[in-house]
C-alpha atoms as a PDB file:
ATOM      1  CA  UNK A   1     -16.308 -14.555  -2.127  1.00  0.00           C
ATOM      2  CA  UNK A   2     -13.929 -12.457  -0.091  1.00  0.00           C
ATOM      3  CA  UNK A   3     -10.823 -10.706  -1.383  1.00  0.00           C
ATOM      4  CA  UNK A   4      -7.545 -10.515   0.452  1.00  0.00           C
ATOM      5  CA  UNK A   5      -4.927  -8.119  -0.796  1.00  0.00           C
ATOM      6  CA  UNK A   6      -1.464  -6.913  -0.027  1.00  0.00           C
ATOM      7  CA  UNK A   7       0.948  -4.394  -1.456  1.00  0.00           C
ATOM      8  CA  UNK A   8       4.650  -4.107  -2.147  1.00  0.00           C
ATOM      9  CA  UNK A   9       6.125  -0.621  -2.016  1.00  0.00           C
ATOM     10  CA  UNK A  10       9.323   0.152  -3.908  1.00  0.00           C
ATOM     11  CA  UNK A  11      11.892   1.933  -1.747  1.00  0.00           C
ATOM     12  CA  UNK A  12      13.429   3.269  -4.943  1.00  0.00           C
ATOM     13  CA  UNK A  13      10.297   5.182  -5.997  1.00  0.00           C
ATOM     14  CA  UNK A  14       8.281   5.871  -2.813  1.00  0.00           C
ATOM     15  CA  UNK A  15       8.780   9.430  -1.558  1.00  0.00           C
ATOM     16  CA  UNK A  16       6.415   9.253   1.406  1.00  0.00           C
ATOM     17  CA  UNK A  17       3.843  11.643  -0.074  1.00  0.00           C
ATOM     18  CA  UNK A  18       0.973   9.897   1.819  1.00  0.00           C
ATOM     19  CA  UNK A  19      -1.438  10.016  -1.120  1.00  0.00           C
ATOM     20  CA  UNK A  20      -1.929   6.253  -0.777  1.00  0.00           C
ATOM     21  CA  UNK A  21      -2.534   6.624   2.964  1.00  0.00           C
ATOM     22  CA  UNK A  22      -5.378   9.110   2.487  1.00  0.00           C
ATOM     23  CA  UNK A  23      -6.860   7.249  -0.506  1.00  0.00           C
ATOM     24  CA  UNK A  24      -7.045   3.814   1.110  1.00  0.00           C
ATOM     25  CA  UNK A  25     -10.743   3.085   1.811  1.00  0.00           C
ATOM     26  CA  UNK A  26      -9.824   0.399   4.367  1.00  0.00           C
ATOM     27  CA  UNK A  27      -7.369   2.708   6.204  1.00  0.00           C
ATOM     28  CA  UNK A  28      -4.701   0.007   6.367  1.00  0.00           C
ATOM     29  CA  UNK A  29      -1.723   1.930   4.926  1.00  0.00           C
ATOM     30  CA  UNK A  30       0.599   4.198   6.880  1.00  0.00           C
ATOM     31  CA  UNK A  31       4.105   5.510   6.569  1.00  0.00           C
ATOM     32  CA  UNK A  32       6.781   3.376   8.159  1.00  0.00           C
ATOM     33  CA  UNK A  33       8.253   5.845  10.634  1.00  0.00           C
ATOM     34  CA  UNK A  34      10.900   3.343  11.718  1.00  0.00           C
ATOM     35  CA  UNK A  35      12.518   3.095   8.266  1.00  0.00           C
ATOM     36  CA  UNK A  36      14.035   5.453   5.754  1.00  0.00           C
ATOM     37  CA  UNK A  37      14.647   4.783   2.079  1.00  0.00           C
ATOM     38  CA  UNK A  38      18.062   5.499   0.602  1.00  0.00           C
ATOM     39  CA  UNK A  39      16.608   8.885  -0.469  1.00  0.00           C
ATOM     40  CA  UNK A  40      15.606   9.706   3.109  1.00  0.00           C
ATOM     41  CA  UNK A  41      11.819   9.155   2.898  1.00  0.00           C
ATOM     42  CA  UNK A  42       9.571   7.112   5.160  1.00  0.00           C
ATOM     43  CA  UNK A  43       7.977   4.511   2.806  1.00  0.00           C
ATOM     44  CA  UNK A  44       4.353   3.410   2.899  1.00  0.00           C
ATOM     45  CA  UNK A  45       3.372  -0.014   4.261  1.00  0.00           C
ATOM     46  CA  UNK A  46       0.344  -1.985   5.346  1.00  0.00           C
ATOM     47  CA  UNK A  47      -0.047  -1.638   9.092  1.00  0.00           C
ATOM     48  CA  UNK A  48      -3.057  -3.841   9.763  1.00  0.00           C
ATOM     49  CA  UNK A  49      -5.241  -6.504   8.196  1.00  0.00           C
ATOM     50  CA  UNK A  50      -8.088  -5.559   5.926  1.00  0.00           C
ATOM     51  CA  UNK A  51      -6.537  -4.842   2.534  1.00  0.00           C
ATOM     52  CA  UNK A  52      -8.853  -6.041  -0.238  1.00  0.00           C
ATOM     53  CA  UNK A  53      -6.464  -5.351  -3.120  1.00  0.00           C
ATOM     54  CA  UNK A  54      -8.709  -2.616  -4.532  1.00  0.00           C
ATOM     55  CA  UNK A  55      -5.588  -0.910  -6.020  1.00  0.00           C
ATOM     56  CA  UNK A  56      -6.727   2.644  -5.315  1.00  0.00           C
ATOM     57  CA  UNK A  57      -3.360   3.239  -3.640  1.00  0.00           C
ATOM     58  CA  UNK A  58      -1.521   2.223  -6.801  1.00  0.00           C
ATOM     59  CA  UNK A  59      -3.728   4.395  -8.984  1.00  0.00           C
ATOM     60  CA  UNK A  60      -3.118   7.574  -6.941  1.00  0.00           C
ATOM     61  CA  UNK A  61       0.635   6.968  -6.486  1.00  0.00           C
ATOM     62  CA  UNK A  62       2.366   9.581  -8.655  1.00  0.00           C
ATOM     63  CA  UNK A  63       5.564   7.534  -8.852  1.00  0.00           C
ATOM     64  CA  UNK A  64       4.105   4.055  -9.525  1.00  0.00           C
ATOM     65  CA  UNK A  65       5.815   2.803  -6.364  1.00  0.00           C
ATOM     66  CA  UNK A  66       3.034   0.395  -5.342  1.00  0.00           C
ATOM     67  CA  UNK A  67       2.348  -3.072  -6.676  1.00  0.00           C
ATOM     68  CA  UNK A  68      -0.971  -4.575  -5.561  1.00  0.00           C
ATOM     69  CA  UNK A  69      -1.724  -8.259  -5.195  1.00  0.00           C
ATOM     70  CA  UNK A  70      -5.221  -9.692  -4.754  1.00  0.00           C
ATOM     71  CA  UNK A  71      -6.476 -13.173  -3.964  1.00  0.00           C
ATOM     72  CA  UNK A  72     -10.128 -14.214  -4.113  1.00  0.00           C
ATOM     73  CA  UNK A  73     -11.093 -16.679  -1.423  1.00  0.00           C
ATOM     74  CA  UNK A  74     -14.104 -18.801  -2.186  1.00  0.00           C
ATOM     75  CA  UNK A  75     -16.415 -19.624   0.700  1.00  0.00           C
ATOM     76  CA  UNK A  76     -16.669 -23.339   1.373  1.00  0.00           C
END
């Protein structure tokens, strides 16, 4: 069974600290340099496929700005 994951990052809480970026074992998270939050930070986002929903990013986030979703896909 394979896992597919994705994240939602809250613009209200994300301060662009990059802890999630460095902690991601799949290296699929980066800061969105084309956007700014209302507080003036570049928020994190998934930039390529490969997220497994491991939730390490959410665990290391000091502001609880990341919600992780995970779907298990059964092989047929």
